[in-house]
């Protein structure tokens, strides 16, 4: 069970890194590319991409703590 706890913590860290990359890419696309491409959404709308990642990170942290307590 301890190995599962460590795996889920590592997965949470990887998800947070991927989340940062996705949100940063979409923010820059909306902020700089938006004025040329004619996007109607503001650049701050890119932060909505973080919601599914935050849910996944929370699930990984909860599962990690559950597995750590069972170990």
PDB file of N, CA and C in Angstrom:
ATOM      1  N   UNK A   1       0.808  -1.199   0.000  1.00  0.00           N
ATOM      2  CA  UNK A   1       0.000   0.000   0.000  1.00  0.00           C
ATOM      3  C   UNK A   1       0.856   1.271   0.000  1.00  0.00           C
ATOM      4  N   UNK A   2       2.043   1.173   0.590  1.00  0.00           N
ATOM      5  CA  UNK A   2       2.912   2.349   0.624  1.00  0.00           C
ATOM      6  C   UNK A   2       3.361   2.740  -0.782  1.00  0.00           C
ATOM      7  N   UNK A   3       3.584   1.741  -1.636  1.00  0.00           N
ATOM      8  CA  UNK A   3       3.992   2.040  -3.009  1.00  0.00           C
ATOM      9  C   UNK A   3       2.883   2.753  -3.761  1.00  0.00           C
ATOM     10  N   UNK A   4       1.634   2.349  -3.518  1.00  0.00           N
ATOM     11  CA  UNK A   4       0.510   3.030  -4.169  1.00  0.00           C
ATOM     12  C   UNK A   4       0.405   4.478  -3.707  1.00  0.00           C
ATOM     13  N   UNK A   5       0.685   4.723  -2.449  1.00  0.00           N
ATOM     14  CA  UNK A   5       0.666   6.080  -1.926  1.00  0.00           C
ATOM     15  C   UNK A   5       1.694   6.955  -2.638  1.00  0.00           C
ATOM     16  N   UNK A   6       2.883   6.428  -2.816  1.00  0.00           N
ATOM     17  CA  UNK A   6       3.949   7.173  -3.502  1.00  0.00           C
ATOM     18  C   UNK A   6       3.601   7.379  -4.977  1.00  0.00           C
ATOM     19  N   UNK A   7       3.015   6.364  -5.608  1.00  0.00           N
ATOM     20  CA  UNK A   7       2.644   6.484  -7.020  1.00  0.00           C
ATOM     21  C   UNK A   7       1.617   7.587  -7.226  1.00  0.00           C
ATOM     22  N   UNK A   8       0.629   7.662  -6.332  1.00  0.00           N
ATOM     23  CA  UNK A   8      -0.393   8.693  -6.489  1.00  0.00           C
ATOM     24  C   UNK A   8       0.137  10.092  -6.195  1.00  0.00           C
ATOM     25  N   UNK A   9       1.097  10.213  -5.299  1.00  0.00           N
ATOM     26  CA  UNK A   9       1.721  11.522  -5.067  1.00  0.00           C
ATOM     27  C   UNK A   9       2.511  11.950  -6.298  1.00  0.00           C
ATOM     28  N   UNK A  10       3.255  11.020  -6.882  1.00  0.00           N
ATOM     29  CA  UNK A  10       4.013  11.330  -8.105  1.00  0.00           C
ATOM     30  C   UNK A  10       3.062  11.704  -9.235  1.00  0.00           C
ATOM     31  N   UNK A  11       1.944  10.990  -9.351  1.00  0.00           N
ATOM     32  CA  UNK A  11       0.946  11.305 -10.370  1.00  0.00           C
ATOM     33  C   UNK A  11       0.356  12.691 -10.157  1.00  0.00           C
ATOM     34  N   UNK A  12       0.130  13.082  -8.909  1.00  0.00           N
ATOM     35  CA  UNK A  12      -0.391  14.419  -8.617  1.00  0.00           C
ATOM     36  C   UNK A  12       0.605  15.500  -9.026  1.00  0.00           C
ATOM     37  N   UNK A  13       1.884  15.262  -8.792  1.00  0.00           N
ATOM     38  CA  UNK A  13       2.915  16.233  -9.186  1.00  0.00           C
ATOM     39  C   UNK A  13       2.993  16.345 -10.707  1.00  0.00           C
ATOM     40  N   UNK A  14       2.938  15.214 -11.387  1.00  0.00           N
ATOM     41  CA  UNK A  14       2.985  15.230 -12.855  1.00  0.00           C
ATOM     42  C   UNK A  14       1.765  15.960 -13.417  1.00  0.00           C
ATOM     43  N   UNK A  15       0.582  15.693 -12.830  1.00  0.00           N
ATOM     44  CA  UNK A  15      -0.625  16.387 -13.285  1.00  0.00           C
ATOM     45  C   UNK A  15      -0.522  17.894 -13.071  1.00  0.00           C
ATOM     46  N   UNK A  16       0.084  18.312 -11.969  1.00  0.00           N
ATOM     47  CA  UNK A  16       0.212  19.752 -11.732  1.00  0.00           C
ATOM     48  C   UNK A  16       1.151  20.399 -12.753  1.00  0.00           C
ATOM     49  N   UNK A  17       2.206  19.695 -13.128  1.00  0.00           N
ATOM     50  CA  UNK A  17       3.111  20.224 -14.145  1.00  0.00           C
ATOM     51  C   UNK A  17       2.426  20.327 -15.503  1.00  0.00           C
ATOM     52  N   UNK A  18       1.672  19.293 -15.862  1.00  0.00           N
ATOM     53  CA  UNK A  18       0.946  19.313 -17.134  1.00  0.00           C
ATOM     54  C   UNK A  18      -0.105  20.420 -17.121  1.00  0.00           C
ATOM     55  N   UNK A  19      -0.779  20.597 -15.980  1.00  0.00           N
ATOM     56  CA  UNK A  19      -1.783  21.651 -15.860  1.00  0.00           C
ATOM     57  C   UNK A  19      -1.163  23.027 -16.101  1.00  0.00           C
ATOM     58  N   UNK A  20      -0.017  23.271 -15.504  1.00  0.00           N
ATOM     59  CA  UNK A  20       0.648  24.565 -15.692  1.00  0.00           C
ATOM     60  C   UNK A  20       0.997  24.801 -17.156  1.00  0.00           C
ATOM     61  N   UNK A  21       1.477  23.782 -17.831  1.00  0.00           N
ATOM     62  CA  UNK A  21       1.850  23.919 -19.237  1.00  0.00           C
ATOM     63  C   UNK A  21       0.631  24.184 -20.110  1.00  0.00           C
ATOM     64  N   UNK A  22      -0.453  23.466 -19.870  1.00  0.00           N
ATOM     65  CA  UNK A  22      -1.664  23.633 -20.685  1.00  0.00           C
ATOM     66  C   UNK A  22      -2.272  25.010 -20.481  1.00  0.00           C
ATOM     67  N   UNK A  23      -2.375  25.429 -19.239  1.00  0.00           N
ATOM     68  CA  UNK A  23      -2.972  26.741 -18.955  1.00  0.00           C
ATOM     69  C   UNK A  23      -2.090  27.861 -19.506  1.00  0.00           C
ATOM     70  N   UNK A  24      -0.788  27.746 -19.360  1.00  0.00           N
ATOM     71  CA  UNK A  24       0.105  28.785 -19.875  1.00  0.00           C
ATOM     72  C   UNK A  24       0.039  28.880 -21.395  1.00  0.00           C
ATOM     73  N   UNK A  25       0.001  27.737 -22.062  1.00  0.00           N
ATOM     74  CA  UNK A  25      -0.083  27.739 -23.525  1.00  0.00           C
ATOM     75  C   UNK A  25      -1.386  28.386 -23.993  1.00  0.00           C
ATOM     76  N   UNK A  26      -2.491  27.991 -23.386  1.00  0.00           N
ATOM     77  CA  UNK A  26      -3.780  28.543 -23.802  1.00  0.00           C
ATOM     78  C   UNK A  26      -3.928  30.012 -23.429  1.00  0.00           C
ATOM     79  N   UNK A  27      -3.344  30.419 -22.302  1.00  0.00           N
ATOM     80  CA  UNK A  27      -3.384  31.829 -21.925  1.00  0.00           C
ATOM     81  C   UNK A  27      -2.631  32.672 -22.951  1.00  0.00           C
ATOM     82  N   UNK A  28      -1.448  32.229 -23.314  1.00  0.00           N
ATOM     83  CA  UNK A  28      -0.664  32.975 -24.305  1.00  0.00           C
ATOM     84  C   UNK A  28      -1.352  32.986 -25.664  1.00  0.00           C
ATOM     85  N   UNK A  29      -1.981  31.879 -26.010  1.00  0.00           N
ATOM     86  CA  UNK A  29      -2.700  31.820 -27.277  1.00  0.00           C
ATOM     87  C   UNK A  29      -3.860  32.801 -27.288  1.00  0.00           C
ATOM     88  N   UNK A  30      -4.590  32.875 -26.187  1.00  0.00           N
ATOM     89  CA  UNK A  30      -5.719  33.800 -26.129  1.00  0.00           C
ATOM     90  C   UNK A  30      -5.267  35.250 -25.987  1.00  0.00           C
ATOM     91  N   UNK A  31      -4.178  35.468 -25.253  1.00  0.00           N
ATOM     92  CA  UNK A  31      -3.722  36.839 -25.015  1.00  0.00           C
ATOM     93  C   UNK A  31      -3.064  37.441 -26.255  1.00  0.00           C
ATOM     94  N   UNK A  32      -2.174  36.704 -26.874  1.00  0.00           N
ATOM     95  CA  UNK A  32      -1.429  37.262 -28.000  1.00  0.00           C
ATOM     96  C   UNK A  32      -2.025  36.891 -29.338  1.00  0.00           C
ATOM     97  N   UNK A  33      -2.437  35.651 -29.481  1.00  0.00           N
ATOM     98  CA  UNK A  33      -3.012  35.231 -30.749  1.00  0.00           C
ATOM     99  C   UNK A  33      -4.452  35.671 -30.915  1.00  0.00           C
ATOM    100  N   UNK A  34      -5.086  36.004 -29.810  1.00  0.00           N
ATOM    101  CA  UNK A  34      -6.493  36.372 -29.849  1.00  0.00           C
ATOM    102  C   UNK A  34      -6.792  37.632 -30.614  1.00  0.00           C
ATOM    103  N   UNK A  35      -5.896  38.587 -30.516  1.00  0.00           N
ATOM    104  CA  UNK A  35      -6.163  39.849 -31.224  1.00  0.00           C
ATOM    105  C   UNK A  35      -5.979  39.706 -32.728  1.00  0.00           C
ATOM    106  N   UNK A  36      -5.189  38.716 -33.142  1.00  0.00           N
ATOM    107  CA  UNK A  36      -4.989  38.504 -34.569  1.00  0.00           C
ATOM    108  C   UNK A  36      -5.984  37.502 -35.148  1.00  0.00           C
ATOM    109  N   UNK A  37      -6.372  36.535 -34.335  1.00  0.00           N
ATOM    110  CA  UNK A  37      -7.290  35.510 -34.816  1.00  0.00           C
ATOM    111  C   UNK A  37      -8.745  35.889 -34.597  1.00  0.00           C
ATOM    112  N   UNK A  38      -9.001  36.899 -33.783  1.00  0.00           N
ATOM    113  CA  UNK A  38     -10.357  37.354 -33.562  1.00  0.00           C
ATOM    114  C   UNK A  38     -11.129  36.537 -32.534  1.00  0.00           C
ATOM    115  N   UNK A  39     -10.423  36.007 -31.515  1.00  0.00           N
ATOM    116  CA  UNK A  39     -11.116  35.253 -30.474  1.00  0.00           C
ATOM    117  C   UNK A  39     -12.003  36.194 -29.671  1.00  0.00           C
ATOM    118  N   UNK A  40     -13.158  35.706 -29.248  1.00  0.00           N
ATOM    119  CA  UNK A  40     -14.055  36.545 -28.468  1.00  0.00           C
ATOM    120  C   UNK A  40     -13.879  36.342 -26.964  1.00  0.00           C
ATOM    121  N   UNK A  41     -13.162  35.301 -26.555  1.00  0.00           N
ATOM    122  CA  UNK A  41     -12.962  35.039 -25.131  1.00  0.00           C
ATOM    123  C   UNK A  41     -11.776  35.838 -24.610  1.00  0.00           C
ATOM    124  N   UNK A  42     -11.874  36.318 -23.361  1.00  0.00           N
ATOM    125  CA  UNK A  42     -10.709  36.994 -22.775  1.00  0.00           C
ATOM    126  C   UNK A  42      -9.628  35.981 -22.419  1.00  0.00           C
ATOM    127  N   UNK A  43      -8.439  36.470 -22.213  1.00  0.00           N
ATOM    128  CA  UNK A  43      -7.316  35.575 -21.913  1.00  0.00           C
ATOM    129  C   UNK A  43      -7.512  34.845 -20.592  1.00  0.00           C
ATOM    130  N   UNK A  44      -8.240  35.443 -19.667  1.00  0.00           N
ATOM    131  CA  UNK A  44      -8.457  34.796 -18.370  1.00  0.00           C
ATOM    132  C   UNK A  44      -9.333  33.554 -18.480  1.00  0.00           C
ATOM    133  N   UNK A  45      -9.980  33.348 -19.595  1.00  0.00           N
ATOM    134  CA  UNK A  45     -10.789  32.140 -19.794  1.00  0.00           C
ATOM    135  C   UNK A  45      -9.929  30.895 -19.864  1.00  0.00           C
ATOM    136  N   UNK A  46      -8.650  31.054 -20.084  1.00  0.00           N
ATOM    137  CA  UNK A  46      -7.741  29.898 -20.146  1.00  0.00           C
ATOM    138  C   UNK A  46      -7.636  29.199 -18.802  1.00  0.00           C
ATOM    139  N   UNK A  47      -7.943  29.896 -17.711  1.00  0.00           N
ATOM    140  CA  UNK A  47      -7.844  29.280 -16.392  1.00  0.00           C
ATOM    141  C   UNK A  47      -8.930  28.236 -16.161  1.00  0.00           C
ATOM    142  N   UNK A  48      -9.952  28.210 -16.989  1.00  0.00           N
ATOM    143  CA  UNK A  48     -10.972  27.165 -16.879  1.00  0.00           C
ATOM    144  C   UNK A  48     -10.415  25.796 -17.264  1.00  0.00           C
ATOM    145  N   UNK A  49      -9.322  25.777 -18.016  1.00  0.00           N
ATOM    146  CA  UNK A  49      -8.682  24.513 -18.351  1.00  0.00           C
ATOM    147  C   UNK A  49      -8.068  23.854 -17.124  1.00  0.00           C
ATOM    148  N   UNK A  50      -7.858  24.593 -16.063  1.00  0.00           N
ATOM    149  CA  UNK A  50      -7.244  24.040 -14.856  1.00  0.00           C
ATOM    150  C   UNK A  50      -8.221  23.229 -14.017  1.00  0.00           C
ATOM    151  N   UNK A  51      -9.517  23.419 -14.208  1.00  0.00           N
ATOM    152  CA  UNK A  51     -10.503  22.772 -13.341  1.00  0.00           C
ATOM    153  C   UNK A  51     -10.415  21.248 -13.383  1.00  0.00           C
ATOM    154  N   UNK A  52     -10.400  20.597 -14.554  1.00  0.00           N
ATOM    155  CA  UNK A  52     -10.305  19.129 -14.528  1.00  0.00           C
ATOM    156  C   UNK A  52      -8.988  18.620 -13.936  1.00  0.00           C
ATOM    157  N   UNK A  53      -7.918  19.361 -14.164  1.00  0.00           N
ATOM    158  CA  UNK A  53      -6.637  18.955 -13.587  1.00  0.00           C
ATOM    159  C   UNK A  53      -6.662  19.077 -12.068  1.00  0.00           C
ATOM    160  N   UNK A  54      -7.277  20.137 -11.547  1.00  0.00           N
ATOM    161  CA  UNK A  54      -7.362  20.306 -10.099  1.00  0.00           C
ATOM    162  C   UNK A  54      -8.197  19.204  -9.462  1.00  0.00           C
ATOM    163  N   UNK A  55      -9.249  18.776 -10.140  1.00  0.00           N
ATOM    164  CA  UNK A  55     -10.052  17.670  -9.627  1.00  0.00           C
ATOM    165  C   UNK A  55      -9.217  16.390  -9.607  1.00  0.00           C
ATOM    166  N   UNK A  56      -8.465  16.152 -10.670  1.00  0.00           N
ATOM    167  CA  UNK A  56      -7.603  14.971 -10.722  1.00  0.00           C
ATOM    168  C   UNK A  56      -6.520  14.989  -9.665  1.00  0.00           C
ATOM    169  N   UNK A  57      -5.944  16.148  -9.421  1.00  0.00           N
ATOM    170  CA  UNK A  57      -4.913  16.278  -8.390  1.00  0.00           C
ATOM    171  C   UNK A  57      -5.517  16.013  -7.017  1.00  0.00           C
ATOM    172  N   UNK A  58      -6.709  16.542  -6.774  1.00  0.00           N
ATOM    173  CA  UNK A  58      -7.364  16.317  -5.477  1.00  0.00           C
ATOM    174  C   UNK A  58      -7.672  14.838  -5.265  1.00  0.00           C
ATOM    175  N   UNK A  59      -8.125  14.155  -6.310  1.00  0.00           N
ATOM    176  CA  UNK A  59      -8.408  12.718  -6.195  1.00  0.00           C
ATOM    177  C   UNK A  59      -7.127  11.943  -5.904  1.00  0.00           C
ATOM    178  N   UNK A  60      -6.040  12.306  -6.572  1.00  0.00           N
ATOM    179  CA  UNK A  60      -4.761  11.628  -6.335  1.00  0.00           C
ATOM    180  C   UNK A  60      -4.268  11.835  -4.907  1.00  0.00           C
ATOM    181  N   UNK A  61      -4.429  13.030  -4.379  1.00  0.00           N
ATOM    182  CA  UNK A  61      -3.977  13.309  -3.016  1.00  0.00           C
ATOM    183  C   UNK A  61      -4.831  12.543  -2.002  1.00  0.00           C
ATOM    184  N   UNK A  62      -6.138  12.508  -2.231  1.00  0.00           N
ATOM    185  CA  UNK A  62      -7.019  11.763  -1.324  1.00  0.00           C
ATOM    186  C   UNK A  62      -6.698  10.276  -1.369  1.00  0.00           C
ATOM    187  N   UNK A  63      -6.530   9.720  -2.555  1.00  0.00           N
ATOM    188  CA  UNK A  63      -6.187   8.300  -2.658  1.00  0.00           C
ATOM    189  C   UNK A  63      -4.838   8.000  -2.026  1.00  0.00           C
ATOM    190  N   UNK A  64      -3.903   8.907  -2.188  1.00  0.00           N
ATOM    191  CA  UNK A  64      -2.593   8.712  -1.583  1.00  0.00           C
ATOM    192  C   UNK A  64      -2.686   8.683  -0.061  1.00  0.00           C
ATOM    193  N   UNK A  65      -3.470   9.575   0.498  1.00  0.00           N
ATOM    194  CA  UNK A  65      -3.608   9.581   1.955  1.00  0.00           C
ATOM    195  C   UNK A  65      -4.357   8.355   2.464  1.00  0.00           C
ATOM    196  N   UNK A  66      -5.333   7.871   1.689  1.00  0.00           N
ATOM    197  CA  UNK A  66      -6.047   6.653   2.079  1.00  0.00           C
ATOM    198  C   UNK A  66      -5.105   5.457   2.074  1.00  0.00           C
ATOM    199  N   UNK A  67      -4.304   5.335   1.035  1.00  0.00           N
ATOM    200  CA  UNK A  67      -3.380   4.218   0.951  1.00  0.00           C
ATOM    201  C   UNK A  67      -2.274   4.319   2.008  1.00  0.00           C
ATOM    202  N   UNK A  68      -1.897   5.547   2.347  1.00  0.00           N
ATOM    203  CA  UNK A  68      -0.856   5.719   3.368  1.00  0.00           C
ATOM    204  C   UNK A  68      -1.373   5.291   4.742  1.00  0.00           C
ATOM    205  N   UNK A  69      -2.648   5.598   5.015  1.00  0.00           N
ATOM    206  CA  UNK A  69      -3.219   5.203   6.311  1.00  0.00           C
ATOM    207  C   UNK A  69      -3.402   3.686   6.401  1.00  0.00           C
ATOM    208  N   UNK A  70      -3.662   3.037   5.285  1.00  0.00           N
ATOM    209  CA  UNK A  70      -3.832   1.582   5.309  1.00  0.00           C
ATOM    210  C   UNK A  70      -2.513   0.835   5.399  1.00  0.00           C
ATOM    211  N   UNK A  71      -1.434   1.517   5.093  1.00  0.00           N
ATOM    212  CA  UNK A  71      -0.123   0.844   5.097  1.00  0.00           C
ATOM    213  C   UNK A  71       0.390   0.624   6.502  1.00  0.00           C
TER     214      UNK A  71
END
